[in-house]
Amino acid sequence: MSLTIRFPAALFQYYGSPLALWLYARGQDSAGSGRAEFDLGEAAEILNRSKSCLRRWLKEGYDQGVFRYFKTRCDRVTIYYSSLFVLAARAGMEQLGAIAWAQVGDLPPEKLRYIATEAIAIGLQRESWHAAKMLGCNPHPCDPDGPLDKAFVRRKAKKLRDRGLLVSPDKFWATRGEGANRTSRSPGGVLYDAGRFTCVSEKFVCYGGSQKTIAARRGLSSRTIQRHLAATRAPSPIRGYRADLPTVDKTQLAQRISGGGRVMQGLLACGEQWAIDEIQMRKMLRIGNRAYIAKCNLYDSAVEISRCRQLRRTYKFKLNLRKNRAAGYQVSVKAESGVGGPLH
């Protein structure tokens, strides 16, 4: 069996627990033929479920289209499973989303649901990082859709990186100071660590995904996302779920307000730590004697995300091909022109 399996996190909300058995079957099929044969007892031990539960998953997966065909004989299971492209297309996904590397011990559903949330959070954080980099280096910030000079963006991004104002998520967590004061290895835009918050300067390029966006992509409530991404995870009292799950390191960025004297006077006069700017609808807080704007959280998880660029390009091509066929077009490759025409 393969030690690591590519796990498309967005599929878990559509297919649920049978997806764990689908991942196990893909791990057993080292040749990638779409057919897997394994022992039901061994699978039940790895997935932390009973044999009857796995038989129920086989039936549910067959009804959902996760498995094309299966048969069991003397606890020996033969499965013909659907491909990743087919499952994503049936779920109506325009993109594959975050794809994580799942270990053999991560296949039980009680672990997969946490891994799916962490993978989506890390994937959204990467998307936000690239979007913030392009927006922060855009020579036309008032017109984001205007012409973009890539050479200018590269030069400005290099200047911001040299000054420590443009920091990738990996470098941020690798050089983040552990104490209350900023260390010499911390980025220039990071002022100091205030426990829950990480205070940054006014010109620091902030990024990150909100928990509402993560909840929308995951198909769960914001409260459930907060529990999945909590720094501490208490094991369940009955079966001990979440006992061996790795913790998630997180911090919330707090960007210092330039010229926030009036804001601080209002906060100090009211004796409050939080305030709402009714004009710009910003959530502000007081840390020490300065006013800051609360930004999104940054997460550092043990979940490893795979880029899978060729896999994403192939899925996009097949999805467009399927849409064209559904719209009544015949896509044909001709030797001379290579142009396809509509059906008459």
Protein backbone atom coordinates (compact mmCIF):
# COMPACT_ATOMS: atom_id res chain seq x y z
CA MET A 1 0.00 0.00 0.00
CA SER A 2 1.16 3.53 -0.77
CA LEU A 3 2.33 5.43 2.32
CA THR A 4 0.98 8.80 1.16
CA ILE A 5 -2.22 9.44 -0.79
CA ARG A 6 -3.38 12.64 -2.45
CA PHE A 7 -6.51 13.81 -0.67
CA PRO A 8 -8.70 16.45 -2.39
CA ALA A 9 -10.09 18.20 0.66
CA ALA A 10 -13.12 19.76 -1.04
CA LEU A 11 -14.58 16.34 -1.91
CA PHE A 12 -15.12 15.37 1.73
CA GLN A 13 -18.17 17.59 2.16
CA TYR A 14 -19.85 16.02 -0.88
CA TYR A 15 -19.19 12.30 -0.29
CA GLY A 16 -18.51 12.03 3.45
CA SER A 17 -17.22 8.84 5.07
CA PRO A 18 -17.19 6.61 1.91
CA LEU A 19 -14.40 8.87 0.66
CA ALA A 20 -12.13 7.35 3.34
CA LEU A 21 -12.66 3.92 1.80
CA TRP A 22 -12.07 5.45 -1.64
CA LEU A 23 -8.71 6.80 -0.45
CA TYR A 24 -7.83 3.42 1.03
CA ALA A 25 -8.64 1.72 -2.27
CA ARG A 26 -6.48 4.21 -4.17
CA GLY A 27 -3.63 3.46 -1.78
CA GLN A 28 -4.00 -0.25 -2.45
CA ASP A 29 -3.98 0.30 -6.21
CA SER A 30 -0.30 1.12 -6.73
CA ALA A 31 -0.62 0.68 -10.51
CA GLY A 32 -3.41 3.26 -10.80
CA SER A 33 -5.66 0.91 -12.79
CA GLY A 34 -8.91 1.88 -11.02
CA ARG A 35 -9.24 -1.59 -9.44
CA ALA A 36 -8.28 -2.49 -5.88
CA GLU A 37 -8.46 -5.76 -3.95
CA PHE A 38 -7.91 -5.94 -0.19
CA ASP A 39 -8.94 -7.71 3.01
CA LEU A 40 -11.96 -6.25 4.78
CA GLY A 41 -10.59 -6.95 8.27
CA GLU A 42 -7.33 -5.15 7.58
CA ALA A 43 -9.18 -2.16 6.15
CA ALA A 44 -11.50 -2.08 9.19
CA GLU A 45 -8.48 -1.96 11.51
CA ILE A 46 -6.81 0.89 9.63
CA LEU A 47 -10.01 2.91 9.23
CA ASN A 48 -10.98 2.30 12.89
CA ARG A 49 -14.40 0.95 11.95
CA SER A 50 -16.21 -2.39 12.01
CA LYS A 51 -16.66 -4.66 8.99
CA SER A 52 -20.38 -3.97 8.89
CA CYS A 53 -19.66 -0.24 8.77
CA LEU A 54 -17.35 -0.72 5.78
CA ARG A 55 -20.02 -2.77 4.01
CA ARG A 56 -22.44 0.09 4.56
CA TRP A 57 -19.87 2.50 3.12
CA LEU A 58 -19.54 0.29 0.05
CA LYS A 59 -23.28 0.49 -0.55
CA GLU A 60 -23.40 4.26 0.07
CA GLY A 61 -20.37 4.85 -2.13
CA TYR A 62 -21.92 2.80 -4.92
CA ASP A 63 -25.13 4.84 -4.73
CA GLN A 64 -23.13 8.09 -4.79
CA GLY A 65 -20.96 7.00 -7.71
CA VAL A 66 -17.75 6.77 -5.68
CA PHE A 67 -17.46 3.07 -6.61
CA ARG A 68 -18.46 1.79 -10.04
CA TYR A 69 -18.61 -1.86 -8.98
CA PHE A 70 -17.68 -3.94 -5.95
CA LYS A 71 -18.00 -7.50 -4.72
CA THR A 72 -17.17 -9.21 -1.42
CA ARG A 73 -16.36 -12.89 -0.88
CA CYS A 74 -15.01 -14.31 2.40
CA ASP A 75 -14.07 -10.82 3.61
CA ARG A 76 -12.13 -10.24 0.40
CA VAL A 77 -13.22 -7.04 -1.35
CA THR A 78 -12.74 -6.13 -5.00
CA ILE A 79 -13.52 -2.50 -5.86
CA TYR A 80 -13.64 -0.61 -9.14
CA TYR A 81 -13.55 3.01 -8.02
CA SER A 82 -14.25 6.25 -9.88
CA SER A 83 -11.49 8.67 -10.77
CA LEU A 84 -10.80 11.98 -9.10
CA PHE A 85 -11.99 13.88 -12.18
CA VAL A 86 -15.33 12.08 -12.21
CA LEU A 87 -16.01 12.75 -8.53
CA ALA A 88 -15.07 16.41 -8.82
CA ALA A 89 -17.23 16.88 -11.92
CA ARG A 90 -20.24 15.18 -10.30
CA ALA A 91 -19.85 17.47 -7.29
CA GLY A 92 -19.99 20.50 -9.61
CA MET A 93 -16.49 21.72 -8.73
CA GLU A 94 -14.96 24.21 -11.14
CA GLN A 95 -11.54 23.75 -9.52
CA LEU A 96 -9.99 20.92 -7.54
CA GLY A 97 -9.12 23.15 -4.60
CA ALA A 98 -6.55 22.24 -1.98
CA ILE A 99 -5.02 18.77 -2.32
CA ALA A 100 -3.26 17.42 0.77
CA TRP A 101 -0.97 14.44 1.29
CA ALA A 102 -2.72 12.01 3.64
CA GLN A 103 -0.83 9.32 5.54
CA VAL A 104 -2.16 5.82 6.13
CA GLY A 105 -2.99 6.68 9.75
CA ASP A 106 -4.97 9.75 8.62
CA LEU A 107 -7.63 7.80 6.73
CA PRO A 108 -10.25 7.44 9.52
CA PRO A 109 -13.06 9.96 8.91
CA GLU A 110 -12.64 11.59 12.32
CA LYS A 111 -9.15 12.65 11.21
CA LEU A 112 -10.01 13.39 7.60
CA ARG A 113 -12.53 16.05 8.55
CA TYR A 114 -9.85 17.96 10.46
CA ILE A 115 -7.27 17.47 7.72
CA ALA A 116 -9.77 18.75 5.15
CA THR A 117 -10.37 21.93 7.15
CA GLU A 118 -6.65 22.54 7.66
CA ALA A 119 -5.88 21.90 3.98
CA ILE A 120 -8.56 24.36 2.85
CA ALA A 121 -7.30 26.97 5.34
CA ILE A 122 -3.68 26.61 4.18
CA GLY A 123 -4.74 26.65 0.53
CA LEU A 124 -6.81 29.80 1.03
CA GLN A 125 -3.88 31.39 2.86
CA ARG A 126 -1.62 30.74 -0.13
CA GLU A 127 -4.19 32.19 -2.52
CA SER A 128 -4.50 35.29 -0.34
CA TRP A 129 -0.71 35.63 -0.20
CA HIS A 130 -0.37 35.67 -4.00
CA ALA A 131 -3.34 38.03 -4.39
CA ALA A 132 -1.95 40.43 -1.76
CA LYS A 133 1.45 40.35 -3.42
CA MET A 134 -0.02 41.30 -6.80
CA LEU A 135 -2.26 43.97 -5.27
CA GLY A 136 0.51 45.43 -3.11
CA CYS A 137 2.89 45.64 -6.08
CA ASN A 138 0.30 46.83 -8.61
CA PRO A 139 1.33 50.17 -10.17
CA HIS A 140 -2.38 50.98 -10.59
CA PRO A 141 -3.93 50.16 -7.17
CA CYS A 142 -7.13 52.03 -8.03
CA ASP A 143 -7.61 49.89 -11.15
CA PRO A 144 -6.80 46.26 -10.24
CA ASP A 145 -8.02 45.05 -13.65
CA GLY A 146 -5.80 47.46 -15.55
CA PRO A 147 -2.59 46.63 -17.44
CA LEU A 148 0.02 44.98 -15.24
CA ASP A 149 3.74 45.41 -15.80
CA LYS A 150 5.27 42.14 -14.57
CA ALA A 151 8.79 43.56 -14.53
CA PHE A 152 7.64 46.43 -12.30
CA VAL A 153 5.85 43.97 -9.99
CA ARG A 154 8.99 41.84 -9.64
CA ARG A 155 11.15 44.87 -8.82
CA LYS A 156 8.69 46.23 -6.26
CA ALA A 157 8.18 42.80 -4.70
CA LYS A 158 11.95 42.43 -4.29
CA LYS A 159 12.15 45.82 -2.57
CA LEU A 160 9.32 44.91 -0.19
CA ARG A 161 10.94 41.53 0.58
CA ASP A 162 14.28 43.19 1.30
CA ARG A 163 12.58 45.56 3.74
CA GLY A 164 10.66 42.71 5.38
CA LEU A 165 7.25 44.09 4.38
CA LEU A 166 6.35 41.22 2.03
CA VAL A 167 6.75 37.90 3.84
CA SER A 168 5.52 34.52 2.62
CA PRO A 169 3.66 32.26 5.10
CA ASP A 170 6.56 29.79 5.31
CA LYS A 171 9.10 32.50 6.06
CA PHE A 172 6.74 34.21 8.49
CA TRP A 173 6.49 31.12 10.69
CA ALA A 174 10.18 30.23 10.28
CA THR A 175 11.37 33.66 11.48
CA ARG A 176 8.59 34.58 13.90
CA GLY A 177 9.94 35.75 17.24
CA GLU A 178 8.89 33.64 20.21
CA GLY A 179 9.16 36.36 22.83
CA ALA A 180 7.29 39.61 23.37
CA ASN A 181 10.05 41.62 21.64
CA ARG A 182 11.00 41.41 18.00
CA THR A 183 14.18 39.42 17.41
CA SER A 184 16.87 40.10 14.83
CA ARG A 185 15.61 37.19 12.68
CA SER A 186 12.05 38.54 12.49
CA PRO A 187 10.91 40.33 9.32
CA GLY A 188 11.24 44.10 9.29
CA GLY A 189 7.50 44.68 9.12
CA VAL A 190 6.78 42.52 12.18
CA LEU A 191 6.95 44.68 15.30
CA TYR A 192 6.49 42.20 18.16
CA ASP A 193 4.50 39.21 19.32
CA ALA A 194 1.68 40.10 21.70
CA GLY A 195 0.46 36.59 22.45
CA ARG A 196 -2.71 36.09 20.46
CA PHE A 197 -1.80 38.93 18.07
CA THR A 198 1.27 39.61 15.96
CA CYS A 199 1.68 43.35 15.58
CA VAL A 200 2.91 44.56 12.19
CA SER A 201 3.74 47.98 10.78
CA GLU A 202 1.53 50.19 8.64
CA LYS A 203 3.18 49.23 5.34
CA PHE A 204 3.24 45.49 5.98
CA VAL A 205 1.39 43.56 3.24
CA CYS A 206 -1.27 41.65 5.20
CA TYR A 207 -3.03 38.56 3.90
CA GLY A 208 -4.99 35.57 5.18
CA GLY A 209 -8.38 33.91 4.81
CA SER A 210 -11.35 34.64 7.03
CA GLN A 211 -13.09 31.85 8.90
CA LYS A 212 -16.33 32.65 7.08
CA THR A 213 -14.65 31.95 3.73
CA ILE A 214 -13.14 28.73 5.06
CA ALA A 215 -16.55 27.69 6.40
CA ALA A 216 -18.18 28.40 3.02
CA ARG A 217 -15.61 26.28 1.17
CA ARG A 218 -15.78 23.52 3.75
CA GLY A 219 -19.57 23.50 3.94
CA LEU A 220 -19.65 23.92 7.72
CA SER A 221 -20.53 26.63 10.21
CA SER A 222 -18.03 29.20 11.44
CA ARG A 223 -18.23 27.77 14.95
CA THR A 224 -17.22 24.32 13.69
CA ILE A 225 -14.31 25.86 11.78
CA GLN A 226 -13.14 27.57 14.98
CA ARG A 227 -13.18 24.21 16.75
CA HIS A 228 -11.31 22.48 13.91
CA LEU A 229 -8.62 25.17 13.85
CA ALA A 230 -8.28 25.51 17.61
CA ALA A 231 -4.78 25.56 19.08
CA THR A 232 -5.69 22.84 21.59
CA ARG A 233 -7.83 19.78 20.80
CA ALA A 234 -9.25 17.80 23.66
CA PRO A 235 -9.87 14.09 22.88
CA SER A 236 -13.47 12.92 22.72
CA PRO A 237 -14.63 11.32 26.00
CA ILE A 238 -15.88 8.02 24.49
CA ARG A 239 -13.59 6.79 21.73
CA GLY A 240 -10.69 9.17 22.26
CA TYR A 241 -10.90 10.84 18.87
CA ARG A 242 -8.51 13.76 18.25
CA ALA A 243 -6.06 12.34 20.81
CA ASP A 244 -3.16 12.01 18.35
CA LEU A 245 -4.02 14.90 16.04
CA PRO A 246 -1.23 17.51 15.69
CA THR A 247 -2.01 20.98 16.97
CA VAL A 248 -2.44 24.02 14.75
CA ASP A 249 -0.29 27.10 15.37
CA LYS A 250 -2.13 30.31 14.61
CA THR A 251 -1.83 34.02 15.20
CA GLN A 252 -3.91 37.03 14.23
CA LEU A 253 -2.28 39.94 12.47
CA ALA A 254 -2.81 43.38 13.98
CA GLN A 255 -1.71 46.24 11.73
CA ARG A 256 -0.72 49.50 13.36
CA ILE A 257 -2.81 52.54 12.43
CA SER A 258 -0.88 55.51 11.09
CA GLY A 259 -1.78 58.61 13.09
CA GLY A 260 -4.25 56.84 15.34
CA GLY A 261 -4.10 59.45 18.12
CA ARG A 262 -7.83 60.21 18.10
CA VAL A 263 -8.64 56.52 18.05
CA MET A 264 -6.42 55.91 21.07
CA GLN A 265 -7.95 58.83 22.94
CA GLY A 266 -11.40 57.35 22.41
CA LEU A 267 -10.30 53.87 23.45
CA LEU A 268 -8.52 55.12 26.56
CA ALA A 269 -11.46 57.34 27.50
CA CYS A 270 -13.95 54.48 27.25
CA GLY A 271 -11.57 51.99 28.84
CA GLU A 272 -12.28 49.48 26.07
CA GLN A 273 -9.88 47.31 24.09
CA TRP A 274 -12.05 47.01 20.96
CA ALA A 275 -13.79 49.65 18.85
CA ILE A 276 -15.56 49.82 15.47
CA ASP A 277 -14.74 52.51 12.91
CA GLU A 278 -18.23 53.34 11.61
CA ILE A 279 -16.85 55.27 8.62
CA GLN A 280 -14.54 52.59 7.16
CA MET A 281 -16.12 49.65 9.09
CA ARG A 282 -12.81 48.51 10.55
CA LYS A 283 -12.39 46.51 13.73
CA MET A 284 -9.76 48.25 15.86
CA LEU A 285 -8.12 47.31 19.13
CA ARG A 286 -5.71 48.77 21.64
CA ILE A 287 -2.40 47.03 22.38
CA GLY A 288 -0.23 49.00 24.75
CA ASN A 289 -0.44 52.66 23.84
CA ARG A 290 -1.09 52.19 20.11
CA ALA A 291 -4.18 51.47 18.02
CA TYR A 292 -4.23 48.55 15.59
CA ILE A 293 -6.58 47.10 12.98
CA ALA A 294 -7.48 43.44 13.44
CA LYS A 295 -6.68 41.37 10.35
CA CYS A 296 -7.10 37.68 9.46
CA ASN A 297 -5.45 34.71 11.16
CA LEU A 298 -2.35 32.99 9.84
CA TYR A 299 -2.12 29.22 10.31
CA ASP A 300 0.81 26.84 10.47
CA SER A 301 -0.26 23.22 10.14
CA ALA A 302 1.51 19.89 9.74
CA VAL A 303 -0.72 19.16 6.71
CA GLU A 304 1.35 19.20 3.52
CA ILE A 305 -0.28 20.73 0.44
CA SER A 306 0.51 19.43 -3.04
CA ARG A 307 0.59 21.80 -6.03
CA CYS A 308 -0.46 19.22 -8.67
CA ARG A 309 -0.23 21.72 -11.52
CA GLN A 310 -0.49 19.13 -14.28
CA LEU A 311 -3.41 17.46 -12.53
CA ARG A 312 -5.27 20.78 -12.32
CA ARG A 313 -4.61 21.59 -15.98
CA THR A 314 -5.86 18.16 -17.02
CA TYR A 315 -9.03 18.55 -14.96
CA LYS A 316 -9.70 21.98 -16.41
CA PHE A 317 -9.27 20.64 -19.94
CA LYS A 318 -11.57 17.66 -19.33
CA LEU A 319 -14.16 19.84 -17.63
CA ASN A 320 -14.26 22.24 -20.58
CA LEU A 321 -14.50 19.27 -22.94
CA ARG A 322 -17.44 17.92 -20.98
CA LYS A 323 -19.20 21.31 -21.02
CA ASN A 324 -18.75 21.63 -24.77
CA ARG A 325 -20.22 18.19 -25.35
CA ALA A 326 -23.15 18.98 -23.06
CA ALA A 327 -23.77 22.21 -24.98
CA GLY A 328 -24.08 20.29 -28.23
CA TYR A 329 -20.65 20.86 -29.70
CA GLN A 330 -18.45 18.22 -31.23
CA VAL A 331 -14.80 18.65 -30.31
CA SER A 332 -12.71 16.96 -32.95
CA VAL A 333 -9.02 17.16 -33.69
CA LYS A 334 -8.33 17.46 -37.40
CA ALA A 335 -4.96 16.82 -38.94
CA GLU A 336 -4.86 20.10 -40.86
CA SER A 337 -6.71 22.79 -38.94
CA GLY A 338 -7.64 21.21 -35.61
CA VAL A 339 -10.92 23.15 -35.47
CA GLY A 340 -14.11 21.63 -34.10
CA GLY A 341 -17.53 22.72 -35.29
CA PRO A 342 -21.08 22.54 -33.98
CA LEU A 343 -23.32 19.59 -34.65
CA HIS A 344 -25.87 20.16 -37.42
